């Protein structure tokens, strides 16, 4: 790999994963400036094509949470990846993400990946299968969960893959740090309370940036489970203004990726923010 990366020198090492197994870790400590990052991006994204050519075989590359690439180096990394992908005929790419609004925005006409390939919207993982997976993983690492523990995590995290994995990992981390061999609902809510405290400054800043109408619409979305937000009964219960104002506020929240629409419901994108708003309301 070092030879195929050209002038870029990676640092390769073995690190233990959560289960104590060895995993390969790669870092680039020499990339310090924006120019270094741009050069690094070009070399790294060219690597799959070089490997496919050297081994004379096709490769498939999957990049999860792909929308996060937008935050790197002012968008130059996104352009570098698109430039590399379009020349790699022996390499197939799958770009996936858990924030549909951001992913759709990245595929817009003004973005590098516009019409780069077919788009598929995946359905949510069945809750029972996700819950069973979590319970199995806890037991595999020597921590016994109480009955329906995985289901509680999935429900609390809104069955959003990133949020479910985040909450499960944080509960596991807390249990390991405390030397516990079992976890229960009290442990889950203790971890949730800690996470809410750690995110309080971030969420408070977001809240303050919203207009009063948007705050009211977000609060109603949480308390109404995102249903019938334009009805006169809901507006009266939550002291909302006219239906057109509520609709405009919801549209603004969708544009800011704070909520998304799933069928007839509006859903808060970040389950931690949803819990923060719910606790602030009461």
C-alpha atoms as a PDB file:
ATOM      1  CA  UNK A   1       0.000   0.000   0.000  1.00  0.00           C
ATOM      2  CA  UNK A   2       2.843   2.388   0.798  1.00  0.00           C
ATOM      3  CA  UNK A   3       4.220   1.906  -2.731  1.00  0.00           C
ATOM      4  CA  UNK A   4       0.849   2.524  -4.371  1.00  0.00           C
ATOM      5  CA  UNK A   5       0.287   5.758  -2.429  1.00  0.00           C
ATOM      6  CA  UNK A   6       3.244   7.395  -4.149  1.00  0.00           C
ATOM      7  CA  UNK A   7       4.687  10.325  -2.211  1.00  0.00           C
ATOM      8  CA  UNK A   8       2.164  10.064   0.630  1.00  0.00           C
ATOM      9  CA  UNK A   9       3.468   8.167   3.652  1.00  0.00           C
ATOM     10  CA  UNK A  10       0.780   6.470   5.768  1.00  0.00           C
ATOM     11  CA  UNK A  11       1.181   5.262   9.321  1.00  0.00           C
ATOM     12  CA  UNK A  12      -0.143   1.693   9.530  1.00  0.00           C
ATOM     13  CA  UNK A  13      -0.696  -0.069  12.859  1.00  0.00           C
ATOM     14  CA  UNK A  14      -2.757  -2.761  14.562  1.00  0.00           C
ATOM     15  CA  UNK A  15      -5.302  -1.695  17.173  1.00  0.00           C
ATOM     16  CA  UNK A  16      -7.809  -3.699  19.251  1.00  0.00           C
ATOM     17  CA  UNK A  17     -11.486  -3.286  18.371  1.00  0.00           C
ATOM     18  CA  UNK A  18     -14.348  -3.295  20.891  1.00  0.00           C
ATOM     19  CA  UNK A  19     -14.265  -7.086  21.158  1.00  0.00           C
ATOM     20  CA  UNK A  20     -10.509  -7.200  21.698  1.00  0.00           C
ATOM     21  CA  UNK A  21      -9.731  -8.409  18.163  1.00  0.00           C
ATOM     22  CA  UNK A  22      -6.947  -6.815  16.120  1.00  0.00           C
ATOM     23  CA  UNK A  23      -7.930  -4.383  13.377  1.00  0.00           C
ATOM     24  CA  UNK A  24      -5.852  -2.404  10.895  1.00  0.00           C
ATOM     25  CA  UNK A  25      -5.670   1.359  11.443  1.00  0.00           C
ATOM     26  CA  UNK A  26      -4.245   3.830   8.943  1.00  0.00           C
ATOM     27  CA  UNK A  27      -3.457   7.508   9.557  1.00  0.00           C
ATOM     28  CA  UNK A  28      -1.585  10.267   7.763  1.00  0.00           C
ATOM     29  CA  UNK A  29       0.153  12.400  10.404  1.00  0.00           C
ATOM     30  CA  UNK A  30       2.077  14.387   7.785  1.00  0.00           C
ATOM     31  CA  UNK A  31      -1.127  15.949   6.354  1.00  0.00           C
ATOM     32  CA  UNK A  32      -1.260  19.233   8.247  1.00  0.00           C
ATOM     33  CA  UNK A  33      -2.220  21.976   5.773  1.00  0.00           C
ATOM     34  CA  UNK A  34      -5.105  22.292   3.304  1.00  0.00           C
ATOM     35  CA  UNK A  35      -2.626  21.703   0.486  1.00  0.00           C
ATOM     36  CA  UNK A  36      -1.467  18.503   2.187  1.00  0.00           C
ATOM     37  CA  UNK A  37      -5.074  17.314   2.576  1.00  0.00           C
ATOM     38  CA  UNK A  38      -5.861  18.011  -1.093  1.00  0.00           C
ATOM     39  CA  UNK A  39      -2.809  16.076  -2.238  1.00  0.00           C
ATOM     40  CA  UNK A  40      -3.613  13.264   0.185  1.00  0.00           C
ATOM     41  CA  UNK A  41      -7.205  13.036  -1.083  1.00  0.00           C
ATOM     42  CA  UNK A  42      -6.026  12.656  -4.677  1.00  0.00           C
ATOM     43  CA  UNK A  43      -3.587   9.894  -3.753  1.00  0.00           C
ATOM     44  CA  UNK A  44      -6.001   7.986  -1.495  1.00  0.00           C
ATOM     45  CA  UNK A  45      -8.891   8.106  -3.958  1.00  0.00           C
ATOM     46  CA  UNK A  46      -6.611   6.918  -6.773  1.00  0.00           C
ATOM     47  CA  UNK A  47      -5.577   3.887  -4.694  1.00  0.00           C
ATOM     48  CA  UNK A  48      -8.527   1.550  -5.552  1.00  0.00           C
ATOM     49  CA  UNK A  49      -7.869   2.017  -9.267  1.00  0.00           C
ATOM     50  CA  UNK A  50      -4.188   1.227  -8.811  1.00  0.00           C
ATOM     51  CA  UNK A  51      -4.955  -1.890  -6.763  1.00  0.00           C
ATOM     52  CA  UNK A  52      -7.492  -3.118  -9.360  1.00  0.00           C
ATOM     53  CA  UNK A  53      -4.963  -2.596 -12.130  1.00  0.00           C
ATOM     54  CA  UNK A  54      -2.099  -4.260 -10.251  1.00  0.00           C
ATOM     55  CA  UNK A  55      -4.175  -7.312  -9.288  1.00  0.00           C
ATOM     56  CA  UNK A  56      -6.106  -7.400 -12.552  1.00  0.00           C
ATOM     57  CA  UNK A  57      -9.436  -7.782 -10.811  1.00  0.00           C
ATOM     58  CA  UNK A  58     -12.535  -5.711 -10.115  1.00  0.00           C
ATOM     59  CA  UNK A  59     -13.091  -4.036  -6.741  1.00  0.00           C
ATOM     60  CA  UNK A  60     -16.154  -2.778  -4.870  1.00  0.00           C
ATOM     61  CA  UNK A  61     -15.754   0.111  -2.404  1.00  0.00           C
ATOM     62  CA  UNK A  62     -18.433   1.091   0.123  1.00  0.00           C
ATOM     63  CA  UNK A  63     -18.340   4.494   1.845  1.00  0.00           C
ATOM     64  CA  UNK A  64     -20.836   4.797   4.711  1.00  0.00           C
ATOM     65  CA  UNK A  65     -22.124   8.122   6.113  1.00  0.00           C
ATOM     66  CA  UNK A  66     -20.997   9.629   2.839  1.00  0.00           C
ATOM     67  CA  UNK A  67     -22.677  12.974   3.533  1.00  0.00           C
ATOM     68  CA  UNK A  68     -19.894  13.711   6.040  1.00  0.00           C
ATOM     69  CA  UNK A  69     -17.452  14.262   3.173  1.00  0.00           C
ATOM     70  CA  UNK A  70     -19.042  17.669   2.661  1.00  0.00           C
ATOM     71  CA  UNK A  71     -17.422  18.887   5.876  1.00  0.00           C
ATOM     72  CA  UNK A  72     -13.867  18.199   4.740  1.00  0.00           C
ATOM     73  CA  UNK A  73     -11.681  20.946   3.321  1.00  0.00           C
ATOM     74  CA  UNK A  74     -14.382  23.185   1.885  1.00  0.00           C
ATOM     75  CA  UNK A  75     -15.686  20.599  -0.569  1.00  0.00           C
ATOM     76  CA  UNK A  76     -12.377  19.995  -2.355  1.00  0.00           C
ATOM     77  CA  UNK A  77     -12.286  16.380  -1.094  1.00  0.00           C
ATOM     78  CA  UNK A  78     -15.681  15.754  -2.699  1.00  0.00           C
ATOM     79  CA  UNK A  79     -14.370  17.047  -6.045  1.00  0.00           C
ATOM     80  CA  UNK A  80     -11.206  14.947  -5.731  1.00  0.00           C
ATOM     81  CA  UNK A  81     -13.227  11.775  -5.139  1.00  0.00           C
ATOM     82  CA  UNK A  82     -15.512  12.426  -8.098  1.00  0.00           C
ATOM     83  CA  UNK A  83     -12.520  13.050 -10.352  1.00  0.00           C
ATOM     84  CA  UNK A  84     -10.970   9.737  -9.315  1.00  0.00           C
ATOM     85  CA  UNK A  85     -14.183   7.702  -9.530  1.00  0.00           C
ATOM     86  CA  UNK A  86     -15.007   8.660 -13.093  1.00  0.00           C
ATOM     87  CA  UNK A  87     -11.724   7.181 -14.369  1.00  0.00           C
ATOM     88  CA  UNK A  88     -11.821   3.896 -12.419  1.00  0.00           C
ATOM     89  CA  UNK A  89     -13.683   1.514 -14.720  1.00  0.00           C
ATOM     90  CA  UNK A  90     -12.635  -1.571 -12.730  1.00  0.00           C
ATOM     91  CA  UNK A  91     -13.914  -0.199  -9.430  1.00  0.00           C
ATOM     92  CA  UNK A  92     -17.549   0.013  -8.301  1.00  0.00           C
ATOM     93  CA  UNK A  93     -18.623   2.415  -5.556  1.00  0.00           C
ATOM     94  CA  UNK A  94     -21.540   2.419  -3.118  1.00  0.00           C
ATOM     95  CA  UNK A  95     -22.122   5.688  -1.269  1.00  0.00           C
ATOM     96  CA  UNK A  96     -24.532   5.366   1.645  1.00  0.00           C
ATOM     97  CA  UNK A  97     -25.730   7.713   4.362  1.00  0.00           C
ATOM     98  CA  UNK A  98     -28.277   7.983   7.154  1.00  0.00           C
ATOM     99  CA  UNK A  99     -29.348  11.571   6.421  1.00  0.00           C
ATOM    100  CA  UNK A 100     -31.499  11.450   3.249  1.00  0.00           C
ATOM    101  CA  UNK A 101     -31.889  15.219   2.930  1.00  0.00           C
ATOM    102  CA  UNK A 102     -28.129  15.776   2.930  1.00  0.00           C
ATOM    103  CA  UNK A 103     -27.546  12.872   0.546  1.00  0.00           C
ATOM    104  CA  UNK A 104     -30.136  14.220  -1.883  1.00  0.00           C
ATOM    105  CA  UNK A 105     -28.541  17.649  -1.692  1.00  0.00           C
ATOM    106  CA  UNK A 106     -25.164  16.140  -2.568  1.00  0.00           C
ATOM    107  CA  UNK A 107     -26.694  14.721  -5.740  1.00  0.00           C
ATOM    108  CA  UNK A 108     -28.055  18.101  -6.884  1.00  0.00           C
ATOM    109  CA  UNK A 109     -27.203  19.733 -10.212  1.00  0.00           C
ATOM    110  CA  UNK A 110     -24.446  21.924  -8.773  1.00  0.00           C
ATOM    111  CA  UNK A 111     -22.627  19.079  -7.004  1.00  0.00           C
ATOM    112  CA  UNK A 112     -19.838  16.811  -8.324  1.00  0.00           C
ATOM    113  CA  UNK A 113     -21.879  13.592  -7.961  1.00  0.00           C
ATOM    114  CA  UNK A 114     -24.885  14.802  -9.949  1.00  0.00           C
ATOM    115  CA  UNK A 115     -26.037  11.875 -12.152  1.00  0.00           C
ATOM    116  CA  UNK A 116     -23.025   9.822 -11.054  1.00  0.00           C
ATOM    117  CA  UNK A 117     -25.137   6.661 -10.775  1.00  0.00           C
ATOM    118  CA  UNK A 118     -28.502   5.185  -9.758  1.00  0.00           C
ATOM    119  CA  UNK A 119     -30.044   6.265  -6.439  1.00  0.00           C
ATOM    120  CA  UNK A 120     -31.750   3.807  -4.079  1.00  0.00           C
ATOM    121  CA  UNK A 121     -33.631   4.664  -0.882  1.00  0.00           C
ATOM    122  CA  UNK A 122     -33.336   1.834   1.627  1.00  0.00           C
ATOM    123  CA  UNK A 123     -36.075   0.987   4.094  1.00  0.00           C
ATOM    124  CA  UNK A 124     -35.370   0.878   7.815  1.00  0.00           C
ATOM    125  CA  UNK A 125     -33.906  -2.251   9.355  1.00  0.00           C
ATOM    126  CA  UNK A 126     -36.722  -4.303  10.958  1.00  0.00           C
ATOM    127  CA  UNK A 127     -36.778  -3.336  14.628  1.00  0.00           C
ATOM    128  CA  UNK A 128     -36.842  -6.892  15.944  1.00  0.00           C
ATOM    129  CA  UNK A 129     -33.799  -7.916  13.912  1.00  0.00           C
ATOM    130  CA  UNK A 130     -31.891  -4.787  14.935  1.00  0.00           C
ATOM    131  CA  UNK A 131     -32.737  -5.389  18.598  1.00  0.00           C
ATOM    132  CA  UNK A 132     -31.663  -9.039  18.400  1.00  0.00           C
ATOM    133  CA  UNK A 133     -28.358  -7.984  16.810  1.00  0.00           C
ATOM    134  CA  UNK A 134     -27.656  -5.556  19.666  1.00  0.00           C
ATOM    135  CA  UNK A 135     -28.460  -8.109  22.365  1.00  0.00           C
ATOM    136  CA  UNK A 136     -26.215 -10.647  20.633  1.00  0.00           C
ATOM    137  CA  UNK A 137     -23.310  -8.199  20.407  1.00  0.00           C
ATOM    138  CA  UNK A 138     -23.598  -7.265  24.098  1.00  0.00           C
ATOM    139  CA  UNK A 139     -23.538 -10.937  25.112  1.00  0.00           C
ATOM    140  CA  UNK A 140     -20.594 -11.651  22.779  1.00  0.00           C
ATOM    141  CA  UNK A 141     -18.484  -9.125  24.693  1.00  0.00           C
ATOM    142  CA  UNK A 142     -19.301 -10.548  28.114  1.00  0.00           C
ATOM    143  CA  UNK A 143     -22.123  -8.166  29.074  1.00  0.00           C
ATOM    144  CA  UNK A 144     -25.573  -9.665  29.641  1.00  0.00           C
ATOM    145  CA  UNK A 145     -28.499  -7.375  28.733  1.00  0.00           C
ATOM    146  CA  UNK A 146     -31.880  -7.629  30.437  1.00  0.00           C
ATOM    147  CA  UNK A 147     -34.841  -8.821  28.384  1.00  0.00           C
ATOM    148  CA  UNK A 148     -35.814  -6.450  25.542  1.00  0.00           C
ATOM    149  CA  UNK A 149     -32.754  -4.268  26.135  1.00  0.00           C
ATOM    150  CA  UNK A 150     -31.965  -4.097  22.426  1.00  0.00           C
ATOM    151  CA  UNK A 151     -35.583  -3.142  21.700  1.00  0.00           C
ATOM    152  CA  UNK A 152     -35.351  -0.272  24.200  1.00  0.00           C
ATOM    153  CA  UNK A 153     -32.242   1.087  22.466  1.00  0.00           C
ATOM    154  CA  UNK A 154     -33.834   0.835  19.019  1.00  0.00           C
ATOM    155  CA  UNK A 155     -37.010   2.573  20.205  1.00  0.00           C
ATOM    156  CA  UNK A 156     -35.164   5.330  22.053  1.00  0.00           C
ATOM    157  CA  UNK A 157     -32.920   5.976  19.041  1.00  0.00           C
ATOM    158  CA  UNK A 158     -35.845   6.069  16.620  1.00  0.00           C
ATOM    159  CA  UNK A 159     -34.537   3.042  14.688  1.00  0.00           C
ATOM    160  CA  UNK A 160     -32.029   5.315  12.964  1.00  0.00           C
ATOM    161  CA  UNK A 161     -28.897   3.216  12.289  1.00  0.00           C
ATOM    162  CA  UNK A 162     -26.371   5.877  13.286  1.00  0.00           C
ATOM    163  CA  UNK A 163     -28.287   6.828  16.428  1.00  0.00           C
ATOM    164  CA  UNK A 164     -28.866   3.207  17.434  1.00  0.00           C
ATOM    165  CA  UNK A 165     -25.180   2.362  17.073  1.00  0.00           C
ATOM    166  CA  UNK A 166     -24.139   5.529  18.903  1.00  0.00           C
ATOM    167  CA  UNK A 167     -26.391   4.871  21.880  1.00  0.00           C
ATOM    168  CA  UNK A 168     -25.541   1.166  22.037  1.00  0.00           C
ATOM    169  CA  UNK A 169     -21.809   1.870  21.886  1.00  0.00           C
ATOM    170  CA  UNK A 170     -22.012   4.528  24.606  1.00  0.00           C
ATOM    171  CA  UNK A 171     -23.962   2.193  26.916  1.00  0.00           C
ATOM    172  CA  UNK A 172     -21.401  -0.536  26.252  1.00  0.00           C
ATOM    173  CA  UNK A 173     -18.542   1.896  26.949  1.00  0.00           C
ATOM    174  CA  UNK A 174     -20.093   2.960  30.265  1.00  0.00           C
ATOM    175  CA  UNK A 175     -20.643  -0.659  31.299  1.00  0.00           C
ATOM    176  CA  UNK A 176     -17.058  -1.619  30.433  1.00  0.00           C
ATOM    177  CA  UNK A 177     -15.644   1.397  32.264  1.00  0.00           C
ATOM    178  CA  UNK A 178     -17.649   0.465  35.372  1.00  0.00           C
ATOM    179  CA  UNK A 179     -16.688  -3.210  35.137  1.00  0.00           C
ATOM    180  CA  UNK A 180     -20.324  -4.318  34.940  1.00  0.00           C
ATOM    181  CA  UNK A 181     -21.331  -7.716  33.590  1.00  0.00           C
ATOM    182  CA  UNK A 182     -24.998  -6.820  33.063  1.00  0.00           C
ATOM    183  CA  UNK A 183     -26.901  -3.820  31.688  1.00  0.00           C
ATOM    184  CA  UNK A 184     -30.489  -2.761  32.321  1.00  0.00           C
ATOM    185  CA  UNK A 185     -32.851   0.100  31.526  1.00  0.00           C
ATOM    186  CA  UNK A 186     -31.446   2.236  34.341  1.00  0.00           C
ATOM    187  CA  UNK A 187     -28.015   1.975  32.697  1.00  0.00           C
ATOM    188  CA  UNK A 188     -29.524   2.960  29.357  1.00  0.00           C
ATOM    189  CA  UNK A 189     -31.195   6.067  30.749  1.00  0.00           C
ATOM    190  CA  UNK A 190     -28.083   6.976  32.726  1.00  0.00           C
ATOM    191  CA  UNK A 191     -26.049   6.931  29.506  1.00  0.00           C
ATOM    192  CA  UNK A 192     -28.744   8.911  27.717  1.00  0.00           C
ATOM    193  CA  UNK A 193     -28.691  11.577  30.442  1.00  0.00           C
ATOM    194  CA  UNK A 194     -24.907  11.836  30.118  1.00  0.00           C
ATOM    195  CA  UNK A 195     -25.109  12.212  26.336  1.00  0.00           C
ATOM    196  CA  UNK A 196     -27.784  14.894  26.623  1.00  0.00           C
ATOM    197  CA  UNK A 197     -25.568  16.831  29.017  1.00  0.00           C
ATOM    198  CA  UNK A 198     -22.599  16.563  26.656  1.00  0.00           C
ATOM    199  CA  UNK A 199     -24.720  17.847  23.757  1.00  0.00           C
ATOM    200  CA  UNK A 200     -26.530  20.554  25.712  1.00  0.00           C
ATOM    201  CA  UNK A 201     -24.389  23.447  24.426  1.00  0.00           C
ATOM    202  CA  UNK A 202     -24.756  22.269  20.827  1.00  0.00           C
ATOM    203  CA  UNK A 203     -28.518  21.824  21.058  1.00  0.00           C
ATOM    204  CA  UNK A 204     -28.989  25.097  22.936  1.00  0.00           C
ATOM    205  CA  UNK A 205     -27.145  26.916  20.153  1.00  0.00           C
ATOM    206  CA  UNK A 206     -29.387  25.282  17.543  1.00  0.00           C
ATOM    207  CA  UNK A 207     -32.493  26.158  19.565  1.00  0.00           C
ATOM    208  CA  UNK A 208     -31.493  29.800  19.844  1.00  0.00           C
ATOM    209  CA  UNK A 209     -31.019  30.038  16.073  1.00  0.00           C
ATOM    210  CA  UNK A 210     -34.620  28.971  15.448  1.00  0.00           C
ATOM    211  CA  UNK A 211     -37.456  31.455  15.244  1.00  0.00           C
ATOM    212  CA  UNK A 212     -40.199  31.243  17.863  1.00  0.00           C
ATOM    213  CA  UNK A 213     -42.524  29.676  15.294  1.00  0.00           C
ATOM    214  CA  UNK A 214     -39.906  27.069  14.378  1.00  0.00           C
ATOM    215  CA  UNK A 215     -39.304  26.227  18.050  1.00  0.00           C
ATOM    216  CA  UNK A 216     -43.030  25.740  18.550  1.00  0.00           C
ATOM    217  CA  UNK A 217     -43.283  23.527  15.463  1.00  0.00           C
ATOM    218  CA  UNK A 218     -40.293  21.438  16.581  1.00  0.00           C
ATOM    219  CA  UNK A 219     -41.735  21.043  20.084  1.00  0.00           C
ATOM    220  CA  UNK A 220     -45.092  19.959  18.654  1.00  0.00           C
ATOM    221  CA  UNK A 221     -43.337  17.495  16.324  1.00  0.00           C
ATOM    222  CA  UNK A 222     -41.739  15.826  19.341  1.00  0.00           C
ATOM    223  CA  UNK A 223     -44.849  15.757  21.518  1.00  0.00           C
ATOM    224  CA  UNK A 224     -47.230  14.730  18.717  1.00  0.00           C
ATOM    225  CA  UNK A 225     -44.895  12.068  17.311  1.00  0.00           C
ATOM    226  CA  UNK A 226     -44.900  14.144  14.127  1.00  0.00           C
ATOM    227  CA  UNK A 227     -48.570  13.498  13.329  1.00  0.00           C
ATOM    228  CA  UNK A 228     -51.442  15.851  12.402  1.00  0.00           C
ATOM    229  CA  UNK A 229     -49.380  18.948  13.054  1.00  0.00           C
ATOM    230  CA  UNK A 230     -51.589  21.164  10.911  1.00  0.00           C
ATOM    231  CA  UNK A 231     -54.899  20.173  12.510  1.00  0.00           C
ATOM    232  CA  UNK A 232     -56.787  22.802  14.512  1.00  0.00           C
ATOM    233  CA  UNK A 233     -56.789  20.532  17.576  1.00  0.00           C
ATOM    234  CA  UNK A 234     -52.993  20.130  17.529  1.00  0.00           C
ATOM    235  CA  UNK A 235     -52.434  23.830  16.940  1.00  0.00           C
ATOM    236  CA  UNK A 236     -54.709  24.707  19.852  1.00  0.00           C
ATOM    237  CA  UNK A 237     -53.097  22.151  22.170  1.00  0.00           C
ATOM    238  CA  UNK A 238     -49.563  23.418  21.495  1.00  0.00           C
ATOM    239  CA  UNK A 239     -50.455  27.082  21.023  1.00  0.00           C
ATOM    240  CA  UNK A 240     -49.353  27.128  17.402  1.00  0.00           C
ATOM    241  CA  UNK A 241     -50.321  29.857  14.980  1.00  0.00           C
ATOM    242  CA  UNK A 242     -52.066  29.432  11.624  1.00  0.00           C
ATOM    243  CA  UNK A 243     -51.640  26.312   9.523  1.00  0.00           C
ATOM    244  CA  UNK A 244     -49.669  28.175   6.840  1.00  0.00           C
ATOM    245  CA  UNK A 245     -47.161  29.448   9.434  1.00  0.00           C
ATOM    246  CA  UNK A 246     -46.750  25.961  10.911  1.00  0.00           C
ATOM    247  CA  UNK A 247     -46.258  24.540   7.419  1.00  0.00           C
ATOM    248  CA  UNK A 248     -43.618  27.169   6.625  1.00  0.00           C
ATOM    249  CA  UNK A 249     -41.824  26.429   9.914  1.00  0.00           C
ATOM    250  CA  UNK A 250     -41.802  22.702   9.205  1.00  0.00           C
ATOM    251  CA  UNK A 251     -40.450  23.335   5.712  1.00  0.00           C
ATOM    252  CA  UNK A 252     -37.626  25.419   7.211  1.00  0.00           C
ATOM    253  CA  UNK A 253     -36.821  22.650   9.708  1.00  0.00           C
ATOM    254  CA  UNK A 254     -36.677  20.130   6.859  1.00  0.00           C
ATOM    255  CA  UNK A 255     -34.320  22.375   4.859  1.00  0.00           C
ATOM    256  CA  UNK A 256     -32.021  22.601   7.875  1.00  0.00           C
ATOM    257  CA  UNK A 257     -32.078  18.777   8.266  1.00  0.00           C
ATOM    258  CA  UNK A 258     -33.547  19.103  11.745  1.00  0.00           C
ATOM    259  CA  UNK A 259     -36.642  17.119  10.802  1.00  0.00           C
ATOM    260  CA  UNK A 260     -37.491  14.901   7.861  1.00  0.00           C
ATOM    261  CA  UNK A 261     -40.778  13.645   6.501  1.00  0.00           C
ATOM    262  CA  UNK A 262     -41.609   9.943   6.509  1.00  0.00           C
ATOM    263  CA  UNK A 263     -44.961   9.427   4.838  1.00  0.00           C
ATOM    264  CA  UNK A 264     -47.542  11.469   6.779  1.00  0.00           C
ATOM    265  CA  UNK A 265     -45.179  11.991   9.756  1.00  0.00           C
ATOM    266  CA  UNK A 266     -42.464  14.487  10.547  1.00  0.00           C
ATOM    267  CA  UNK A 267     -39.510  12.906  12.367  1.00  0.00           C
ATOM    268  CA  UNK A 268     -36.664  14.630  14.206  1.00  0.00           C
ATOM    269  CA  UNK A 269     -33.471  13.563  12.439  1.00  0.00           C
ATOM    270  CA  UNK A 270     -31.333  13.346  15.591  1.00  0.00           C
ATOM    271  CA  UNK A 271     -32.920  11.214  18.327  1.00  0.00           C
ATOM    272  CA  UNK A 272     -30.788  12.943  20.972  1.00  0.00           C
ATOM    273  CA  UNK A 273     -32.182  16.305  19.905  1.00  0.00           C
ATOM    274  CA  UNK A 274     -35.679  14.846  20.105  1.00  0.00           C
ATOM    275  CA  UNK A 275     -35.078  13.747  23.707  1.00  0.00           C
ATOM    276  CA  UNK A 276     -33.479  17.116  24.551  1.00  0.00           C
ATOM    277  CA  UNK A 277     -36.514  18.989  23.235  1.00  0.00           C
ATOM    278  CA  UNK A 278     -38.893  16.646  25.085  1.00  0.00           C
ATOM    279  CA  UNK A 279     -37.101  17.199  28.387  1.00  0.00           C
ATOM    280  CA  UNK A 280     -36.866  20.929  27.827  1.00  0.00           C
ATOM    281  CA  UNK A 281     -40.596  21.058  27.168  1.00  0.00           C
ATOM    282  CA  UNK A 282     -41.442  19.500  30.508  1.00  0.00           C
END
